[in-house]
Amino acid sequence: MYLDVADLRTFYDLPLGRLLRVLIGGRIRKLWPDLQNRSLLGIGYAGPFMRPYLGSAERCVAAMPAQQGAVGWPRESSNRAALIEDDNLPFSDAFFDRVMVVHALDHCADPSKILDEAWRVLKPGGHLIAVVPNRRGLWTQSELSPFGYGRPYSGSQLRNLLRTCGFDITAQEEALFLPPSKRRFILNAARTWEGLGRRFWPAFGGLLIVEATKKHSRGTPIEVSRNPLRALKPLFVPESEPVGAKSVHRREPPQ
């Protein structure tokens, strides 16, 4: 079950959300330092990590599933967000150079259907980045962030899923080695935690960030178990939202 888009937007406006945006975004930009003249599609709630490419990419589209709801993105310019069905993207075949999947594979009913559609809209040889909670990490056990509310993956599970859906794995990164906490002294030392974690316990990062490339042919998608997810108001959302976090969002796609 997807989280509500208003709750996701609120989280990334909070101090912890802004920090995670920097830490996770840094690992993504290591894989994709520049998307000059390339087209980028984000599936799920990828806007916070697509923002660095707005000035250089030829096209950026944030595709937000109807089950999650959609908000305008980016806030400071014309809208580049679209309300979509995650298993039926409204784009032509081989339309995008890059696809970024965040807050989607861990919340959707059938991850293979999202990846099937991502494969379809990617150009031959196009690249995809998938961001999911790490089953071994601490963040999947905490409700302080959206990464504690979905389906966690091990590295082998995510790689096998991508391979079965027609992708070749090209790189894997881990992120979020700091403990899930709002304590200021932990947040202030976030970069130290990240450096130590990547050096001494790389398998226990809170997130897996896997890059894959589209194969020209693929096999039959695997059947993915549909784990029931809790439909609760996330604990990371405060009683009163930050200024500017309120937005109108839709639950159903347009007729």
C-alpha atoms as a PDB file:
ATOM      1  CA  MET A   1       0.000   0.000   0.000  1.00  0.00           C
ATOM      2  CA  TYR A   2       1.326   3.399  -0.986  1.00  0.00           C
ATOM      3  CA  LEU A   3       1.783   6.181   1.542  1.00  0.00           C
ATOM      4  CA  ASP A   4      -0.163   9.376   0.948  1.00  0.00           C
ATOM      5  CA  VAL A   5       1.658  11.892  -1.238  1.00  0.00           C
ATOM      6  CA  ALA A   6       0.942  14.707   1.247  1.00  0.00           C
ATOM      7  CA  ASP A   7       2.736  12.741   3.982  1.00  0.00           C
ATOM      8  CA  LEU A   8       5.712  12.098   1.709  1.00  0.00           C
ATOM      9  CA  ARG A   9       5.931  15.762   0.761  1.00  0.00           C
ATOM     10  CA  THR A  10       5.702  16.774   4.407  1.00  0.00           C
ATOM     11  CA  PHE A  11       8.493  14.383   5.388  1.00  0.00           C
ATOM     12  CA  TYR A  12      10.937  15.798   2.846  1.00  0.00           C
ATOM     13  CA  ASP A  13      10.227  19.292   4.193  1.00  0.00           C
ATOM     14  CA  LEU A  14      11.257  18.221   7.710  1.00  0.00           C
ATOM     15  CA  PRO A  15      14.902  18.460   8.896  1.00  0.00           C
ATOM     16  CA  LEU A  16      15.329  14.676   8.787  1.00  0.00           C
ATOM     17  CA  GLY A  17      13.807  14.506   5.317  1.00  0.00           C
ATOM     18  CA  ARG A  18      16.078  17.260   4.020  1.00  0.00           C
ATOM     19  CA  LEU A  19      19.088  15.394   5.391  1.00  0.00           C
ATOM     20  CA  LEU A  20      18.035  12.131   3.747  1.00  0.00           C
ATOM     21  CA  ARG A  21      17.504  13.986   0.493  1.00  0.00           C
ATOM     22  CA  VAL A  22      21.164  15.064   0.608  1.00  0.00           C
ATOM     23  CA  LEU A  23      22.594  11.696   1.687  1.00  0.00           C
ATOM     24  CA  ILE A  24      20.598   9.579  -0.761  1.00  0.00           C
ATOM     25  CA  GLY A  25      20.893  12.113  -3.552  1.00  0.00           C
ATOM     26  CA  GLY A  26      24.665  12.092  -3.198  1.00  0.00           C
ATOM     27  CA  ARG A  27      24.833   8.358  -3.891  1.00  0.00           C
ATOM     28  CA  ILE A  28      22.489   8.716  -6.870  1.00  0.00           C
ATOM     29  CA  ARG A  29      24.601  11.505  -8.351  1.00  0.00           C
ATOM     30  CA  LYS A  30      27.676   9.308  -7.972  1.00  0.00           C
ATOM     31  CA  LEU A  31      26.020   6.908 -10.418  1.00  0.00           C
ATOM     32  CA  TRP A  32      24.505   9.628 -12.618  1.00  0.00           C
ATOM     33  CA  PRO A  33      26.731  12.715 -12.295  1.00  0.00           C
ATOM     34  CA  ASP A  34      25.192  14.427 -15.317  1.00  0.00           C
ATOM     35  CA  LEU A  35      22.111  13.915 -17.488  1.00  0.00           C
ATOM     36  CA  GLN A  36      22.854  16.614 -20.032  1.00  0.00           C
ATOM     37  CA  ASN A  37      20.402  16.362 -22.941  1.00  0.00           C
ATOM     38  CA  ARG A  38      18.878  13.155 -21.591  1.00  0.00           C
ATOM     39  CA  SER A  39      15.276  12.481 -20.564  1.00  0.00           C
ATOM     40  CA  LEU A  40      14.439  11.347 -17.020  1.00  0.00           C
ATOM     41  CA  LEU A  41      11.311   9.687 -15.625  1.00  0.00           C
ATOM     42  CA  GLY A  42      10.704   9.299 -11.892  1.00  0.00           C
ATOM     43  CA  ILE A  43       8.218   6.656 -10.723  1.00  0.00           C
ATOM     44  CA  GLY A  44       6.743   6.779  -7.218  1.00  0.00           C
ATOM     45  CA  TYR A  45       7.876   9.838  -5.275  1.00  0.00           C
ATOM     46  CA  ALA A  46      11.242  10.603  -6.867  1.00  0.00           C
ATOM     47  CA  GLY A  47      10.997  14.402  -7.107  1.00  0.00           C
ATOM     48  CA  PRO A  48      13.407  15.173  -4.222  1.00  0.00           C
ATOM     49  CA  PHE A  49      16.154  13.202  -6.018  1.00  0.00           C
ATOM     50  CA  MET A  50      15.342  14.402  -9.541  1.00  0.00           C
ATOM     51  CA  ARG A  51      15.716  18.072  -8.662  1.00  0.00           C
ATOM     52  CA  PRO A  52      19.506  18.292  -9.317  1.00  0.00           C
ATOM     53  CA  TYR A  53      18.875  17.318 -12.948  1.00  0.00           C
ATOM     54  CA  LEU A  54      16.217  19.933 -13.702  1.00  0.00           C
ATOM     55  CA  GLY A  55      18.695  22.376 -15.180  1.00  0.00           C
ATOM     56  CA  SER A  56      20.491  19.924 -17.442  1.00  0.00           C
ATOM     57  CA  ALA A  57      18.124  17.122 -18.452  1.00  0.00           C
ATOM     58  CA  GLU A  58      16.238  17.514 -21.693  1.00  0.00           C
ATOM     59  CA  ARG A  59      13.024  16.345 -20.015  1.00  0.00           C
ATOM     60  CA  CYS A  60      12.050  15.478 -16.411  1.00  0.00           C
ATOM     61  CA  VAL A  61       8.711  13.866 -15.558  1.00  0.00           C
ATOM     62  CA  ALA A  62       7.667  12.825 -12.051  1.00  0.00           C
ATOM     63  CA  ALA A  63       5.100  10.033 -12.480  1.00  0.00           C
ATOM     64  CA  MET A  64       3.095   9.637  -9.258  1.00  0.00           C
ATOM     65  CA  PRO A  65       0.814   6.586  -8.839  1.00  0.00           C
ATOM     66  CA  ALA A  66      -2.905   7.174  -8.390  1.00  0.00           C
ATOM     67  CA  GLN A  67      -2.901   5.025  -5.236  1.00  0.00           C
ATOM     68  CA  GLN A  68      -0.421   7.500  -3.711  1.00  0.00           C
ATOM     69  CA  GLY A  69      -1.829  10.719  -5.141  1.00  0.00           C
ATOM     70  CA  ALA A  70      -0.003  13.513  -6.921  1.00  0.00           C
ATOM     71  CA  VAL A  71       1.185  17.027  -6.180  1.00  0.00           C
ATOM     72  CA  GLY A  72       2.622  19.664  -8.439  1.00  0.00           C
ATOM     73  CA  TRP A  73       6.376  19.331  -8.971  1.00  0.00           C
ATOM     74  CA  PRO A  74       8.619  21.243  -8.895  1.00  0.00           C
ATOM     75  CA  ARG A  75       7.106  23.976  -6.746  1.00  0.00           C
ATOM     76  CA  GLU A  76       9.075  26.859  -8.207  1.00  0.00           C
ATOM     77  CA  SER A  77       8.293  26.350 -11.908  1.00  0.00           C
ATOM     78  CA  SER A  78       5.801  24.854 -14.330  1.00  0.00           C
ATOM     79  CA  ASN A  79       4.406  21.467 -13.383  1.00  0.00           C
ATOM     80  CA  ARG A  80       6.266  18.351 -14.535  1.00  0.00           C
ATOM     81  CA  ALA A  81       4.300  15.819 -12.488  1.00  0.00           C
ATOM     82  CA  ALA A  82       1.742  13.366 -13.850  1.00  0.00           C
ATOM     83  CA  LEU A  83      -0.836  11.149 -12.146  1.00  0.00           C
ATOM     84  CA  ILE A  84      -0.397   7.613 -13.475  1.00  0.00           C
ATOM     85  CA  GLU A  85      -1.315   3.982 -13.034  1.00  0.00           C
ATOM     86  CA  ASP A  86       1.929   2.328 -12.021  1.00  0.00           C
ATOM     87  CA  ASP A  87       1.293  -0.708 -14.241  1.00  0.00           C
ATOM     88  CA  ASN A  88       0.226   1.312 -17.308  1.00  0.00           C
ATOM     89  CA  LEU A  89       2.427   4.334 -17.930  1.00  0.00           C
ATOM     90  CA  PRO A  90       1.009   6.896 -20.401  1.00  0.00           C
ATOM     91  CA  PHE A  91       4.217   7.118 -22.431  1.00  0.00           C
ATOM     92  CA  SER A  92       5.355   5.656 -25.735  1.00  0.00           C
ATOM     93  CA  ASP A  93       7.781   2.765 -25.971  1.00  0.00           C
ATOM     94  CA  ALA A  94      11.479   3.691 -25.746  1.00  0.00           C
ATOM     95  CA  PHE A  95      10.672   7.269 -24.686  1.00  0.00           C
ATOM     96  CA  PHE A  96      13.134   7.931 -21.806  1.00  0.00           C
ATOM     97  CA  ASP A  97      16.905   7.649 -21.393  1.00  0.00           C
ATOM     98  CA  ARG A  98      16.757   7.194 -17.606  1.00  0.00           C
ATOM     99  CA  VAL A  99      14.180   5.959 -15.076  1.00  0.00           C
ATOM    100  CA  MET A 100      14.400   6.497 -11.305  1.00  0.00           C
ATOM    101  CA  VAL A 101      12.129   4.402  -9.053  1.00  0.00           C
ATOM    102  CA  VAL A 102      11.753   5.655  -5.453  1.00  0.00           C
ATOM    103  CA  HIS A 103       8.994   4.867  -2.903  1.00  0.00           C
ATOM    104  CA  ALA A 104       7.400   2.515  -5.425  1.00  0.00           C
ATOM    105  CA  LEU A 105       8.856  -1.020  -5.457  1.00  0.00           C
ATOM    106  CA  ASP A 106       8.547  -1.139  -1.662  1.00  0.00           C
ATOM    107  CA  HIS A 107       4.905   0.044  -1.595  1.00  0.00           C
ATOM    108  CA  CYS A 108       3.197  -1.278  -4.727  1.00  0.00           C
ATOM    109  CA  ALA A 109       1.158  -4.482  -4.989  1.00  0.00           C
ATOM    110  CA  ASP A 110       3.270  -5.979  -7.798  1.00  0.00           C
ATOM    111  CA  PRO A 111       6.839  -4.671  -8.280  1.00  0.00           C
ATOM    112  CA  SER A 112       7.339  -6.683 -11.465  1.00  0.00           C
ATOM    113  CA  LYS A 113       4.568  -4.727 -13.218  1.00  0.00           C
ATOM    114  CA  ILE A 114       6.284  -1.414 -12.442  1.00  0.00           C
ATOM    115  CA  LEU A 115       9.565  -2.747 -13.792  1.00  0.00           C
ATOM    116  CA  ASP A 116       7.832  -4.137 -16.887  1.00  0.00           C
ATOM    117  CA  GLU A 117       6.540  -0.655 -17.661  1.00  0.00           C
ATOM    118  CA  ALA A 118       9.901   0.942 -16.857  1.00  0.00           C
ATOM    119  CA  TRP A 119      11.539  -1.494 -19.289  1.00  0.00           C
ATOM    120  CA  ARG A 120       8.989  -0.615 -21.963  1.00  0.00           C
ATOM    121  CA  VAL A 121       9.435   3.167 -21.779  1.00  0.00           C
ATOM    122  CA  LEU A 122      13.245   3.007 -21.576  1.00  0.00           C
ATOM    123  CA  LYS A 123      15.241   3.393 -24.755  1.00  0.00           C
ATOM    124  CA  PRO A 124      17.473   0.449 -25.731  1.00  0.00           C
ATOM    125  CA  GLY A 125      20.471   0.525 -23.424  1.00  0.00           C
ATOM    126  CA  GLY A 126      18.705   3.001 -21.105  1.00  0.00           C
ATOM    127  CA  HIS A 127      19.498   2.990 -17.399  1.00  0.00           C
ATOM    128  CA  LEU A 128      17.303   2.595 -14.315  1.00  0.00           C
ATOM    129  CA  ILE A 129      17.981   3.308 -10.643  1.00  0.00           C
ATOM    130  CA  ALA A 130      15.889   1.566  -7.977  1.00  0.00           C
ATOM    131  CA  VAL A 131      15.928   2.788  -4.364  1.00  0.00           C
ATOM    132  CA  VAL A 132      14.484   0.440  -1.722  1.00  0.00           C
ATOM    133  CA  PRO A 133      14.856  -0.230   2.025  1.00  0.00           C
ATOM    134  CA  ASN A 134      17.590  -2.721   2.883  1.00  0.00           C
ATOM    135  CA  ARG A 135      16.270  -5.751   4.782  1.00  0.00           C
ATOM    136  CA  ARG A 136      19.477  -5.795   6.857  1.00  0.00           C
ATOM    137  CA  GLY A 137      19.385  -2.104   7.736  1.00  0.00           C
ATOM    138  CA  LEU A 138      17.942  -0.281  10.728  1.00  0.00           C
ATOM    139  CA  TRP A 139      15.768   2.135   8.748  1.00  0.00           C
ATOM    140  CA  THR A 140      13.304  -0.556   7.725  1.00  0.00           C
ATOM    141  CA  GLN A 141      12.647  -1.175  11.435  1.00  0.00           C
ATOM    142  CA  SER A 142      11.924   2.482  12.202  1.00  0.00           C
ATOM    143  CA  GLU A 143       8.767   4.487  11.481  1.00  0.00           C
ATOM    144  CA  LEU A 144      10.641   7.794  11.438  1.00  0.00           C
ATOM    145  CA  SER A 145      10.811   7.786   7.639  1.00  0.00           C
ATOM    146  CA  PRO A 146       8.818   6.422   4.680  1.00  0.00           C
ATOM    147  CA  PHE A 147      11.402   3.645   4.329  1.00  0.00           C
ATOM    148  CA  GLY A 148       9.989   1.950   7.435  1.00  0.00           C
ATOM    149  CA  TYR A 149       6.506   1.414   5.964  1.00  0.00           C
ATOM    150  CA  GLY A 150       7.076  -0.703   2.884  1.00  0.00           C
ATOM    151  CA  ARG A 151       8.464  -4.018   1.703  1.00  0.00           C
ATOM    152  CA  PRO A 152      12.221  -4.297   2.384  1.00  0.00           C
ATOM    153  CA  TYR A 153      14.583  -6.136   0.059  1.00  0.00           C
ATOM    154  CA  SER A 154      17.886  -7.898   0.361  1.00  0.00           C
ATOM    155  CA  GLY A 155      20.456  -7.061  -2.278  1.00  0.00           C
ATOM    156  CA  SER A 156      20.034 -10.441  -3.959  1.00  0.00           C
ATOM    157  CA  GLN A 157      16.217 -10.110  -4.010  1.00  0.00           C
ATOM    158  CA  LEU A 158      16.366  -6.736  -5.747  1.00  0.00           C
ATOM    159  CA  ARG A 159      19.021  -7.810  -8.233  1.00  0.00           C
ATOM    160  CA  ASN A 160      17.115 -11.007  -9.087  1.00  0.00           C
ATOM    161  CA  LEU A 161      13.884  -9.033  -9.558  1.00  0.00           C
ATOM    162  CA  LEU A 162      15.599  -6.608 -11.926  1.00  0.00           C
ATOM    163  CA  ARG A 163      17.250  -9.391 -13.913  1.00  0.00           C
ATOM    164  CA  THR A 164      13.976 -11.275 -14.277  1.00  0.00           C
ATOM    165  CA  CYS A 165      12.276  -8.126 -15.562  1.00  0.00           C
ATOM    166  CA  GLY A 166      14.828  -7.612 -18.321  1.00  0.00           C
ATOM    167  CA  PHE A 167      17.672  -5.624 -16.757  1.00  0.00           C
ATOM    168  CA  ASP A 168      21.403  -6.180 -16.335  1.00  0.00           C
ATOM    169  CA  ILE A 169      22.871  -4.941 -13.042  1.00  0.00           C
ATOM    170  CA  THR A 170      25.603  -2.351 -13.516  1.00  0.00           C
ATOM    171  CA  ALA A 171      26.205  -0.952 -10.007  1.00  0.00           C
ATOM    172  CA  GLN A 172      25.014  -1.050  -6.404  1.00  0.00           C
ATOM    173  CA  GLU A 173      25.350   1.585  -3.702  1.00  0.00           C
ATOM    174  CA  GLU A 174      24.237   1.674  -0.082  1.00  0.00           C
ATOM    175  CA  ALA A 175      23.122   4.717   1.901  1.00  0.00           C
ATOM    176  CA  LEU A 176      21.884   5.698   5.381  1.00  0.00           C
ATOM    177  CA  PHE A 177      24.394   4.198   7.782  1.00  0.00           C
ATOM    178  CA  LEU A 178      23.480   6.638  10.532  1.00  0.00           C
ATOM    179  CA  PRO A 179      20.954   5.332  13.096  1.00  0.00           C
ATOM    180  CA  PRO A 180      17.324   6.357  12.470  1.00  0.00           C
ATOM    181  CA  SER A 181      16.958   9.219  14.919  1.00  0.00           C
ATOM    182  CA  LYS A 182      15.899  12.840  15.200  1.00  0.00           C
ATOM    183  CA  ARG A 183      18.581  13.609  17.784  1.00  0.00           C
ATOM    184  CA  ARG A 184      20.564  16.632  16.681  1.00  0.00           C
ATOM    185  CA  PHE A 185      23.985  15.243  17.633  1.00  0.00           C
ATOM    186  CA  ILE A 186      23.375  12.183  15.411  1.00  0.00           C
ATOM    187  CA  LEU A 187      22.109  14.251  12.494  1.00  0.00           C
ATOM    188  CA  ASN A 188      25.046  16.638  12.789  1.00  0.00           C
ATOM    189  CA  ALA A 189      27.442  13.693  12.473  1.00  0.00           C
ATOM    190  CA  ALA A 190      25.606  12.172   9.493  1.00  0.00           C
ATOM    191  CA  ARG A 191      28.539  12.375   7.084  1.00  0.00           C
ATOM    192  CA  THR A 192      30.828  10.716   9.644  1.00  0.00           C
ATOM    193  CA  TRP A 193      28.325   7.875  10.055  1.00  0.00           C
ATOM    194  CA  GLU A 194      28.092   7.474   6.284  1.00  0.00           C
ATOM    195  CA  GLY A 195      31.851   7.336   5.829  1.00  0.00           C
ATOM    196  CA  LEU A 196      32.375   4.834   8.632  1.00  0.00           C
ATOM    197  CA  GLY A 197      29.473   2.684   7.504  1.00  0.00           C
ATOM    198  CA  ARG A 198      30.635   2.380   3.916  1.00  0.00           C
ATOM    199  CA  ARG A 199      34.072   1.388   5.169  1.00  0.00           C
ATOM    200  CA  PHE A 200      33.320  -0.988   8.038  1.00  0.00           C
ATOM    201  CA  TRP A 201      29.755  -2.338   7.631  1.00  0.00           C
ATOM    202  CA  PRO A 202      28.743  -1.762   3.977  1.00  0.00           C
ATOM    203  CA  ALA A 203      26.127  -4.541   3.996  1.00  0.00           C
ATOM    204  CA  PHE A 204      24.035  -2.796   6.674  1.00  0.00           C
ATOM    205  CA  GLY A 205      23.133   0.497   5.041  1.00  0.00           C
ATOM    206  CA  GLY A 206      19.521   1.523   5.428  1.00  0.00           C
ATOM    207  CA  LEU A 207      18.913   1.708   1.676  1.00  0.00           C
ATOM    208  CA  LEU A 208      19.913  -0.179  -1.440  1.00  0.00           C
ATOM    209  CA  ILE A 209      20.490   1.871  -4.584  1.00  0.00           C
ATOM    210  CA  VAL A 210      20.868  -0.387  -7.610  1.00  0.00           C
ATOM    211  CA  GLU A 211      21.557   0.752 -11.174  1.00  0.00           C
ATOM    212  CA  ALA A 212      20.613  -1.493 -14.080  1.00  0.00           C
ATOM    213  CA  THR A 213      20.501  -1.230 -17.860  1.00  0.00           C
ATOM    214  CA  LYS A 214      17.763  -2.400 -20.205  1.00  0.00           C
ATOM    215  CA  LYS A 215      18.434  -5.654 -22.043  1.00  0.00           C
ATOM    216  CA  HIS A 216      17.175  -6.071 -25.592  1.00  0.00           C
ATOM    217  CA  SER A 217      15.251  -9.210 -24.634  1.00  0.00           C
ATOM    218  CA  ARG A 218      13.842 -10.530 -21.387  1.00  0.00           C
ATOM    219  CA  GLY A 219      12.173 -13.524 -19.788  1.00  0.00           C
ATOM    220  CA  THR A 220       8.879 -13.981 -17.988  1.00  0.00           C
ATOM    221  CA  PRO A 221       8.477 -11.772 -14.860  1.00  0.00           C
ATOM    222  CA  ILE A 222       8.560 -13.601 -11.547  1.00  0.00           C
ATOM    223  CA  GLU A 223       5.618 -13.773  -9.191  1.00  0.00           C
ATOM    224  CA  VAL A 224       6.199 -11.437  -6.239  1.00  0.00           C
ATOM    225  CA  SER A 225       4.506 -12.099  -2.918  1.00  0.00           C
ATOM    226  CA  ARG A 226       1.989  -9.436  -1.931  1.00  0.00           C
ATOM    227  CA  ASN A 227       2.688  -8.678   1.680  1.00  0.00           C
ATOM    228  CA  PRO A 228      -0.064  -6.771   3.494  1.00  0.00           C
ATOM    229  CA  LEU A 229       1.141  -3.326   4.556  1.00  0.00           C
ATOM    230  CA  ARG A 230      -0.267  -1.232   7.340  1.00  0.00           C
ATOM    231  CA  ALA A 231      -2.610   1.605   6.403  1.00  0.00           C
ATOM    232  CA  LEU A 232      -1.640   3.883   9.288  1.00  0.00           C
ATOM    233  CA  LYS A 233      -0.817   7.547   9.516  1.00  0.00           C
ATOM    234  CA  PRO A 234       2.980   7.655   9.455  1.00  0.00           C
ATOM    235  CA  LEU A 235       4.659   8.661  12.697  1.00  0.00           C
ATOM    236  CA  PHE A 236       7.100  10.919  10.827  1.00  0.00           C
ATOM    237  CA  VAL A 237       4.258  13.343  10.025  1.00  0.00           C
ATOM    238  CA  PRO A 238       3.892  15.945  12.809  1.00  0.00           C
ATOM    239  CA  GLU A 239       0.517  17.083  14.132  1.00  0.00           C
ATOM    240  CA  SER A 240       0.890  20.400  12.282  1.00  0.00           C
ATOM    241  CA  GLU A 241       2.483  20.418   8.833  1.00  0.00           C
ATOM    242  CA  PRO A 242       5.359  22.772   8.021  1.00  0.00           C
ATOM    243  CA  VAL A 243       4.533  25.986   6.226  1.00  0.00           C
ATOM    244  CA  GLY A 244       4.185  25.349   2.519  1.00  0.00           C
ATOM    245  CA  ALA A 245       3.694  21.587   2.881  1.00  0.00           C
ATOM    246  CA  LYS A 246      -0.069  21.620   2.296  1.00  0.00           C
ATOM    247  CA  SER A 247      -1.156  20.680  -1.187  1.00  0.00           C
ATOM    248  CA  VAL A 248      -4.155  19.471  -3.079  1.00  0.00           C
ATOM    249  CA  HIS A 249      -3.770  15.867  -4.139  1.00  0.00           C
ATOM    250  CA  ARG A 250      -5.909  13.369  -5.926  1.00  0.00           C
ATOM    251  CA  ARG A 251      -6.565   9.757  -5.068  1.00  0.00           C
ATOM    252  CA  GLU A 252      -8.083   8.641  -8.350  1.00  0.00           C
ATOM    253  CA  PRO A 253      -6.816   9.100 -11.927  1.00  0.00           C
ATOM    254  CA  PRO A 254      -8.775  11.437 -14.219  1.00  0.00           C
ATOM    255  CA  GLN A 255     -11.575   9.907 -16.283  1.00  0.00           C
END
